[in-house]
Amino acid sequence: MSTAVWAQFAVEEPEWKESDVPPPPAFDISKLITFEVSPNSALVYGVDPASISITQNDGLVRYVMVASSASGTRNVMYEGIRCSTGEFKTYARYSPEGRWTMVSTPEWRTMFGNMPSRHALRFAQAGGCDNAAVPLSVNAVVRRLKNPNLGMTQ
């Protein structure tokens, strides 16, 4: 979805406030649902469906994202997407030693920026968002992630 198309769905919420961020959830590498971010990417991205949560009061989808290289190196991030504005935030990163490190000052960033990775945008398009709305349920997100024909919302 292009920035222009996303913008037509975006709704500005003047009194919006993010709810308290729950601690990073447990995740299981063996249960990741993977999706393509870029045909040229050497990384494989996936989300553990058990880590996905939706908070309707602030319209956020939170999840654990895993980026794996062919050599087995992994970047694991606890993130949130604000579907209504096309933004994402990284709350914490998982260390190779097996612990979460919270990001000191997490900030909302556009999913449409010129970043080396567009994983948050692809996750949103693959089912993490329903256009600019929060999906009705985690089951709906998982269904779309597992069926690429359902994931791309126009």
N, C-alpha and C. Protein backbone atom coordinates (compact mmCIF):
# COMPACT_ATOMS: atom_id res chain seq x y z
N MET A 1 0.86 -1.16 0.00
CA MET A 1 0.00 0.00 0.00
C MET A 1 0.91 1.23 0.00
N SER A 2 0.65 2.15 -0.84
CA SER A 2 1.48 3.36 -0.91
C SER A 2 1.14 4.30 0.23
N THR A 3 2.04 5.24 0.47
CA THR A 3 1.81 6.24 1.51
C THR A 3 0.53 7.00 1.24
N ALA A 4 0.28 7.34 -0.01
CA ALA A 4 -0.92 8.11 -0.36
C ALA A 4 -2.18 7.33 -0.05
N VAL A 5 -2.18 6.04 -0.40
CA VAL A 5 -3.36 5.23 -0.12
C VAL A 5 -3.55 5.08 1.38
N TRP A 6 -2.46 4.84 2.13
CA TRP A 6 -2.56 4.70 3.58
C TRP A 6 -3.10 5.99 4.18
N ALA A 7 -2.61 7.11 3.68
CA ALA A 7 -3.02 8.41 4.22
C ALA A 7 -4.52 8.63 4.06
N GLN A 8 -5.12 8.10 2.98
CA GLN A 8 -6.55 8.33 2.81
C GLN A 8 -7.36 7.62 3.88
N PHE A 9 -6.79 6.58 4.50
CA PHE A 9 -7.49 5.86 5.55
C PHE A 9 -7.16 6.39 6.94
N ALA A 10 -6.05 7.10 7.07
CA ALA A 10 -5.57 7.55 8.37
C ALA A 10 -6.58 8.48 9.03
N VAL A 11 -6.72 8.31 10.34
CA VAL A 11 -7.63 9.13 11.12
C VAL A 11 -6.81 9.74 12.25
N GLU A 12 -6.81 11.04 12.35
CA GLU A 12 -6.06 11.68 13.42
C GLU A 12 -6.91 11.67 14.69
N GLU A 13 -6.29 11.25 15.77
CA GLU A 13 -6.98 11.16 17.05
C GLU A 13 -6.35 12.16 18.01
N PRO A 14 -6.96 13.33 18.21
CA PRO A 14 -6.32 14.40 18.97
C PRO A 14 -6.03 14.04 20.43
N GLU A 15 -6.85 13.24 21.04
CA GLU A 15 -6.67 12.91 22.46
C GLU A 15 -6.05 11.54 22.66
N TRP A 16 -5.37 11.01 21.67
CA TRP A 16 -4.82 9.66 21.75
C TRP A 16 -3.73 9.57 22.81
N LYS A 17 -3.77 8.47 23.56
CA LYS A 17 -2.74 8.19 24.56
C LYS A 17 -2.45 6.71 24.53
N GLU A 18 -1.19 6.37 24.48
CA GLU A 18 -0.79 4.96 24.47
C GLU A 18 -1.01 4.34 25.85
N SER A 19 -1.55 3.13 25.85
CA SER A 19 -1.76 2.41 27.10
C SER A 19 -0.41 1.95 27.64
N ASP A 20 -0.39 1.54 28.91
CA ASP A 20 0.84 1.03 29.49
C ASP A 20 1.34 -0.14 28.67
N VAL A 21 2.63 -0.18 28.42
CA VAL A 21 3.22 -1.23 27.60
C VAL A 21 3.48 -2.45 28.48
N PRO A 22 2.88 -3.58 28.12
CA PRO A 22 3.16 -4.79 28.88
C PRO A 22 4.61 -5.22 28.67
N PRO A 23 5.14 -6.01 29.59
CA PRO A 23 6.51 -6.49 29.38
C PRO A 23 6.59 -7.35 28.12
N PRO A 24 7.78 -7.46 27.54
CA PRO A 24 7.92 -8.28 26.34
C PRO A 24 7.45 -9.71 26.61
N PRO A 25 6.67 -10.26 25.69
CA PRO A 25 6.16 -11.62 25.89
C PRO A 25 7.21 -12.67 25.53
N ALA A 26 6.99 -13.87 26.02
CA ALA A 26 7.82 -15.00 25.62
C ALA A 26 7.57 -15.27 24.14
N PHE A 27 8.53 -15.89 23.49
CA PHE A 27 8.35 -16.23 22.08
C PHE A 27 9.03 -17.56 21.80
N ASP A 28 8.59 -18.21 20.73
CA ASP A 28 9.11 -19.53 20.36
C ASP A 28 9.53 -19.47 18.89
N ILE A 29 10.82 -19.56 18.65
CA ILE A 29 11.38 -19.49 17.30
C ILE A 29 10.77 -20.56 16.39
N SER A 30 10.45 -21.71 16.96
CA SER A 30 9.93 -22.82 16.14
C SER A 30 8.50 -22.58 15.66
N LYS A 31 7.82 -21.58 16.21
CA LYS A 31 6.43 -21.33 15.84
C LYS A 31 6.23 -20.08 14.99
N LEU A 32 7.34 -19.51 14.49
CA LEU A 32 7.23 -18.27 13.72
C LEU A 32 6.42 -18.46 12.45
N ILE A 33 5.60 -17.46 12.16
CA ILE A 33 4.94 -17.37 10.85
C ILE A 33 5.80 -16.37 10.08
N THR A 34 6.42 -16.84 9.01
CA THR A 34 7.33 -15.98 8.26
C THR A 34 6.60 -15.30 7.11
N PHE A 35 7.16 -14.19 6.68
CA PHE A 35 6.61 -13.45 5.54
C PHE A 35 7.75 -12.72 4.85
N GLU A 36 7.56 -12.45 3.57
CA GLU A 36 8.60 -11.78 2.79
C GLU A 36 8.54 -10.28 3.00
N VAL A 37 9.69 -9.71 3.27
CA VAL A 37 9.79 -8.27 3.41
C VAL A 37 10.25 -7.66 2.09
N SER A 38 11.24 -8.30 1.49
CA SER A 38 11.77 -7.83 0.22
C SER A 38 12.38 -9.03 -0.51
N PRO A 39 12.15 -9.13 -1.82
CA PRO A 39 12.74 -10.26 -2.55
C PRO A 39 14.27 -10.22 -2.52
N ASN A 40 14.85 -9.07 -2.25
CA ASN A 40 16.31 -8.93 -2.22
C ASN A 40 16.90 -9.08 -0.83
N SER A 41 16.07 -9.27 0.18
CA SER A 41 16.55 -9.34 1.56
C SER A 41 17.18 -10.70 1.84
N ALA A 42 18.32 -10.67 2.53
CA ALA A 42 18.96 -11.90 2.96
C ALA A 42 18.36 -12.39 4.28
N LEU A 43 17.49 -11.59 4.88
CA LEU A 43 16.88 -11.95 6.15
C LEU A 43 15.49 -12.54 5.95
N VAL A 44 15.14 -13.46 6.82
CA VAL A 44 13.79 -14.02 6.86
C VAL A 44 13.13 -13.44 8.11
N TYR A 45 11.94 -12.86 7.94
CA TYR A 45 11.23 -12.24 9.05
C TYR A 45 10.06 -13.12 9.47
N GLY A 46 9.81 -13.14 10.77
CA GLY A 46 8.68 -13.91 11.27
C GLY A 46 8.18 -13.36 12.59
N VAL A 47 6.94 -13.73 12.90
CA VAL A 47 6.28 -13.31 14.13
C VAL A 47 5.75 -14.57 14.81
N ASP A 48 5.98 -14.68 16.12
CA ASP A 48 5.38 -15.77 16.89
C ASP A 48 3.93 -15.36 17.16
N PRO A 49 2.96 -16.13 16.65
CA PRO A 49 1.56 -15.72 16.83
C PRO A 49 1.15 -15.57 18.30
N ALA A 50 1.80 -16.32 19.19
CA ALA A 50 1.45 -16.22 20.61
C ALA A 50 1.89 -14.89 21.21
N SER A 51 2.78 -14.16 20.52
CA SER A 51 3.27 -12.88 21.05
C SER A 51 2.41 -11.70 20.61
N ILE A 52 1.48 -11.92 19.70
CA ILE A 52 0.66 -10.81 19.17
C ILE A 52 -0.42 -10.43 20.18
N SER A 53 -0.55 -9.13 20.42
CA SER A 53 -1.64 -8.63 21.26
C SER A 53 -2.23 -7.39 20.61
N ILE A 54 -3.50 -7.18 20.85
CA ILE A 54 -4.20 -6.01 20.31
C ILE A 54 -4.86 -5.29 21.47
N THR A 55 -4.62 -3.98 21.55
CA THR A 55 -5.33 -3.19 22.55
C THR A 55 -6.24 -2.23 21.80
N GLN A 56 -7.52 -2.46 21.93
CA GLN A 56 -8.51 -1.67 21.20
C GLN A 56 -8.59 -0.24 21.70
N ASN A 57 -8.35 -0.01 23.01
CA ASN A 57 -8.51 1.34 23.55
C ASN A 57 -7.50 2.34 22.97
N ASP A 58 -6.30 1.86 22.59
CA ASP A 58 -5.35 2.78 21.96
C ASP A 58 -5.04 2.39 20.52
N GLY A 59 -5.66 1.32 20.04
CA GLY A 59 -5.51 0.93 18.64
C GLY A 59 -4.12 0.45 18.28
N LEU A 60 -3.50 -0.33 19.17
CA LEU A 60 -2.15 -0.82 18.90
C LEU A 60 -2.11 -2.33 18.75
N VAL A 61 -1.22 -2.77 17.88
CA VAL A 61 -0.91 -4.18 17.72
C VAL A 61 0.54 -4.33 18.17
N ARG A 62 0.78 -5.18 19.17
CA ARG A 62 2.14 -5.42 19.66
C ARG A 62 2.50 -6.87 19.35
N TYR A 63 3.80 -7.12 19.14
CA TYR A 63 4.25 -8.43 18.68
C TYR A 63 5.75 -8.56 18.86
N VAL A 64 6.26 -9.79 18.77
CA VAL A 64 7.69 -10.05 18.74
C VAL A 64 8.05 -10.39 17.30
N MET A 65 8.98 -9.60 16.74
CA MET A 65 9.46 -9.78 15.37
C MET A 65 10.85 -10.39 15.43
N VAL A 66 11.06 -11.43 14.61
CA VAL A 66 12.37 -12.09 14.54
C VAL A 66 12.88 -11.98 13.11
N ALA A 67 14.10 -11.45 12.97
CA ALA A 67 14.78 -11.39 11.67
C ALA A 67 15.96 -12.35 11.75
N SER A 68 15.96 -13.37 10.87
CA SER A 68 16.99 -14.40 10.90
C SER A 68 17.81 -14.38 9.62
N SER A 69 19.12 -14.53 9.78
CA SER A 69 20.00 -14.61 8.61
C SER A 69 20.27 -16.08 8.29
N ALA A 70 20.82 -16.34 7.11
CA ALA A 70 21.15 -17.70 6.70
C ALA A 70 22.16 -18.34 7.64
N SER A 71 23.00 -17.53 8.27
CA SER A 71 24.01 -18.06 9.19
C SER A 71 23.43 -18.41 10.56
N GLY A 72 22.16 -18.04 10.78
CA GLY A 72 21.53 -18.35 12.07
C GLY A 72 21.49 -17.19 13.04
N THR A 73 22.09 -16.08 12.68
CA THR A 73 22.05 -14.89 13.53
C THR A 73 20.63 -14.35 13.55
N ARG A 74 20.19 -13.92 14.74
CA ARG A 74 18.82 -13.40 14.87
C ARG A 74 18.81 -12.04 15.54
N ASN A 75 17.96 -11.18 15.02
CA ASN A 75 17.59 -9.94 15.69
C ASN A 75 16.15 -10.13 16.13
N VAL A 76 15.88 -9.93 17.40
CA VAL A 76 14.54 -10.11 17.94
C VAL A 76 14.12 -8.80 18.59
N MET A 77 12.94 -8.32 18.19
CA MET A 77 12.46 -7.03 18.68
C MET A 77 11.01 -7.15 19.16
N TYR A 78 10.72 -6.45 20.23
CA TYR A 78 9.34 -6.31 20.71
C TYR A 78 8.87 -4.96 20.21
N GLU A 79 7.84 -4.97 19.35
CA GLU A 79 7.40 -3.76 18.67
C GLU A 79 5.90 -3.56 18.78
N GLY A 80 5.48 -2.38 18.38
CA GLY A 80 4.07 -2.06 18.28
C GLY A 80 3.81 -1.29 17.01
N ILE A 81 2.62 -1.49 16.46
CA ILE A 81 2.18 -0.77 15.27
C ILE A 81 0.93 0.03 15.63
N ARG A 82 0.92 1.27 15.20
CA ARG A 82 -0.28 2.13 15.33
C ARG A 82 -0.87 2.23 13.92
N CYS A 83 -1.84 1.37 13.65
CA CYS A 83 -2.40 1.24 12.31
C CYS A 83 -2.99 2.55 11.79
N SER A 84 -3.61 3.31 12.66
CA SER A 84 -4.31 4.53 12.21
C SER A 84 -3.38 5.59 11.65
N THR A 85 -2.10 5.56 12.05
CA THR A 85 -1.16 6.58 11.59
C THR A 85 -0.02 6.02 10.75
N GLY A 86 0.05 4.67 10.61
CA GLY A 86 1.14 4.08 9.84
C GLY A 86 2.48 4.22 10.54
N GLU A 87 2.50 4.09 11.86
CA GLU A 87 3.73 4.22 12.63
C GLU A 87 4.03 2.94 13.39
N PHE A 88 5.30 2.75 13.73
CA PHE A 88 5.69 1.64 14.58
C PHE A 88 6.73 2.10 15.60
N LYS A 89 6.88 1.30 16.65
CA LYS A 89 7.81 1.62 17.73
C LYS A 89 8.47 0.32 18.18
N THR A 90 9.76 0.39 18.46
CA THR A 90 10.48 -0.74 19.04
C THR A 90 10.61 -0.49 20.53
N TYR A 91 10.04 -1.40 21.35
CA TYR A 91 10.06 -1.26 22.79
C TYR A 91 11.29 -1.91 23.43
N ALA A 92 11.70 -3.06 22.86
CA ALA A 92 12.81 -3.81 23.47
C ALA A 92 13.48 -4.68 22.41
N ARG A 93 14.73 -5.05 22.71
CA ARG A 93 15.50 -5.96 21.86
C ARG A 93 15.97 -7.12 22.72
N TYR A 94 15.98 -8.30 22.11
CA TYR A 94 16.39 -9.51 22.80
C TYR A 94 17.87 -9.74 22.55
N SER A 95 18.63 -9.97 23.60
CA SER A 95 20.08 -10.13 23.46
C SER A 95 20.44 -11.59 23.19
N PRO A 96 21.62 -11.83 22.62
CA PRO A 96 22.07 -13.21 22.42
C PRO A 96 22.20 -13.98 23.74
N GLU A 97 22.33 -13.25 24.84
CA GLU A 97 22.42 -13.89 26.15
C GLU A 97 21.05 -14.33 26.68
N GLY A 98 19.99 -14.01 25.96
CA GLY A 98 18.67 -14.48 26.35
C GLY A 98 17.89 -13.56 27.25
N ARG A 99 18.12 -12.25 27.18
CA ARG A 99 17.31 -11.33 27.98
C ARG A 99 16.88 -10.13 27.14
N TRP A 100 15.77 -9.57 27.57
CA TRP A 100 15.25 -8.38 26.91
C TRP A 100 15.96 -7.15 27.46
N THR A 101 16.26 -6.21 26.58
CA THR A 101 16.76 -4.90 26.96
C THR A 101 15.77 -3.88 26.43
N MET A 102 15.18 -3.13 27.34
CA MET A 102 14.20 -2.13 26.93
C MET A 102 14.91 -0.97 26.22
N VAL A 103 14.28 -0.44 25.17
CA VAL A 103 14.80 0.74 24.49
C VAL A 103 14.59 1.91 25.43
N SER A 104 15.62 2.73 25.65
CA SER A 104 15.53 3.78 26.66
C SER A 104 14.47 4.82 26.36
N THR A 105 14.37 5.28 25.13
CA THR A 105 13.32 6.25 24.77
C THR A 105 12.70 5.83 23.43
N PRO A 106 11.81 4.84 23.48
CA PRO A 106 11.19 4.39 22.22
C PRO A 106 10.36 5.51 21.60
N GLU A 107 10.46 5.64 20.29
CA GLU A 107 9.74 6.70 19.59
C GLU A 107 8.95 6.12 18.42
N TRP A 108 7.81 6.70 18.16
CA TRP A 108 7.01 6.31 17.00
C TRP A 108 7.72 6.79 15.74
N ARG A 109 7.86 5.89 14.76
CA ARG A 109 8.48 6.21 13.47
C ARG A 109 7.54 5.77 12.36
N THR A 110 7.60 6.47 11.27
CA THR A 110 6.75 6.10 10.14
C THR A 110 7.20 4.77 9.55
N MET A 111 6.23 3.98 9.13
CA MET A 111 6.55 2.72 8.45
C MET A 111 6.96 2.96 7.01
N PHE A 112 6.79 4.19 6.53
CA PHE A 112 7.04 4.49 5.12
C PHE A 112 8.38 5.18 4.91
N GLY A 113 9.17 5.35 5.97
CA GLY A 113 10.45 6.02 5.86
C GLY A 113 11.45 5.23 5.04
N ASN A 114 12.55 5.85 4.73
CA ASN A 114 13.60 5.22 3.95
C ASN A 114 14.51 4.44 4.89
N MET A 115 14.05 3.27 5.30
CA MET A 115 14.80 2.43 6.22
C MET A 115 15.39 1.25 5.46
N PRO A 116 16.47 0.69 5.98
CA PRO A 116 17.03 -0.49 5.32
C PRO A 116 16.04 -1.67 5.35
N SER A 117 15.20 -1.71 6.37
CA SER A 117 14.22 -2.78 6.47
C SER A 117 12.83 -2.19 6.58
N ARG A 118 11.91 -2.80 5.89
CA ARG A 118 10.52 -2.32 5.96
C ARG A 118 9.65 -3.40 6.60
N HIS A 119 10.20 -4.08 7.57
CA HIS A 119 9.49 -5.21 8.16
C HIS A 119 8.17 -4.81 8.82
N ALA A 120 8.12 -3.67 9.49
CA ALA A 120 6.87 -3.26 10.15
C ALA A 120 5.77 -3.00 9.12
N LEU A 121 6.13 -2.34 8.02
CA LEU A 121 5.15 -2.08 6.96
C LEU A 121 4.65 -3.39 6.36
N ARG A 122 5.57 -4.31 6.08
CA ARG A 122 5.16 -5.59 5.48
C ARG A 122 4.30 -6.39 6.46
N PHE A 123 4.62 -6.35 7.76
CA PHE A 123 3.79 -7.03 8.75
C PHE A 123 2.39 -6.41 8.77
N ALA A 124 2.32 -5.08 8.73
CA ALA A 124 1.02 -4.40 8.71
C ALA A 124 0.22 -4.82 7.49
N GLN A 125 0.87 -4.85 6.32
CA GLN A 125 0.19 -5.22 5.08
C GLN A 125 -0.18 -6.70 5.04
N ALA A 126 0.63 -7.52 5.67
CA ALA A 126 0.39 -8.97 5.64
C ALA A 126 -0.70 -9.40 6.61
N GLY A 127 -1.20 -8.48 7.44
CA GLY A 127 -2.29 -8.83 8.34
C GLY A 127 -2.25 -8.15 9.68
N GLY A 128 -1.15 -7.46 10.00
CA GLY A 128 -1.04 -6.79 11.29
C GLY A 128 -2.00 -5.62 11.45
N CYS A 129 -2.42 -5.06 10.32
CA CYS A 129 -3.43 -3.99 10.32
C CYS A 129 -4.50 -4.35 9.29
N ASP A 130 -5.66 -3.78 9.46
CA ASP A 130 -6.74 -3.91 8.49
C ASP A 130 -6.89 -2.53 7.85
N ASN A 131 -6.08 -2.29 6.82
CA ASN A 131 -5.89 -0.94 6.27
C ASN A 131 -5.40 -0.06 7.41
N ALA A 132 -6.11 0.98 7.77
CA ALA A 132 -5.66 1.86 8.86
C ALA A 132 -6.37 1.54 10.17
N ALA A 133 -7.01 0.39 10.24
CA ALA A 133 -7.71 -0.01 11.46
C ALA A 133 -7.00 -1.19 12.12
N VAL A 134 -7.25 -1.33 13.41
CA VAL A 134 -6.73 -2.46 14.15
C VAL A 134 -7.58 -3.69 13.78
N PRO A 135 -6.96 -4.83 13.54
CA PRO A 135 -7.74 -6.04 13.26
C PRO A 135 -8.68 -6.36 14.43
N LEU A 136 -9.76 -7.06 14.13
CA LEU A 136 -10.74 -7.38 15.15
C LEU A 136 -10.21 -8.35 16.20
N SER A 137 -9.27 -9.22 15.80
CA SER A 137 -8.76 -10.21 16.75
C SER A 137 -7.37 -10.68 16.34
N VAL A 138 -6.68 -11.27 17.30
CA VAL A 138 -5.38 -11.88 17.00
C VAL A 138 -5.58 -13.02 16.01
N ASN A 139 -6.67 -13.78 16.15
CA ASN A 139 -6.95 -14.87 15.21
C ASN A 139 -7.05 -14.36 13.78
N ALA A 140 -7.62 -13.18 13.58
CA ALA A 140 -7.72 -12.60 12.24
C ALA A 140 -6.32 -12.29 11.69
N VAL A 141 -5.44 -11.76 12.54
CA VAL A 141 -4.07 -11.47 12.12
C VAL A 141 -3.37 -12.77 11.71
N VAL A 142 -3.48 -13.78 12.55
CA VAL A 142 -2.81 -15.06 12.29
C VAL A 142 -3.33 -15.69 11.01
N ARG A 143 -4.64 -15.66 10.81
CA ARG A 143 -5.23 -16.21 9.57
C ARG A 143 -4.64 -15.53 8.33
N ARG A 144 -4.55 -14.21 8.37
CA ARG A 144 -4.02 -13.48 7.22
C ARG A 144 -2.53 -13.75 7.01
N LEU A 145 -1.77 -13.84 8.10
CA LEU A 145 -0.34 -14.12 7.97
C LEU A 145 -0.11 -15.50 7.36
N LYS A 146 -0.96 -16.45 7.73
CA LYS A 146 -0.79 -17.82 7.22
C LYS A 146 -1.29 -17.97 5.79
N ASN A 147 -2.17 -17.07 5.34
CA ASN A 147 -2.71 -17.12 3.99
C ASN A 147 -2.35 -15.83 3.27
N PRO A 148 -1.24 -15.83 2.52
CA PRO A 148 -0.80 -14.59 1.87
C PRO A 148 -1.86 -13.95 0.98
N ASN A 149 -2.80 -14.72 0.46
CA ASN A 149 -3.85 -14.14 -0.38
C ASN A 149 -4.82 -13.26 0.43
N LEU A 150 -4.91 -13.50 1.73
CA LEU A 150 -5.78 -12.69 2.57
C LEU A 150 -5.05 -11.46 3.14
N GLY A 151 -3.74 -11.54 3.26
CA GLY A 151 -2.98 -10.52 3.98
C GLY A 151 -2.95 -9.16 3.35
N MET A 152 -2.85 -9.09 2.06
CA MET A 152 -2.71 -7.79 1.41
C MET A 152 -4.07 -7.10 1.32
N THR A 153 -4.25 -6.08 2.13
CA THR A 153 -5.49 -5.33 2.08
C THR A 153 -5.30 -4.15 1.15
N GLN A 154 -6.31 -3.87 0.36
CA GLN A 154 -6.20 -2.79 -0.62
C GLN A 154 -7.00 -1.58 -0.18
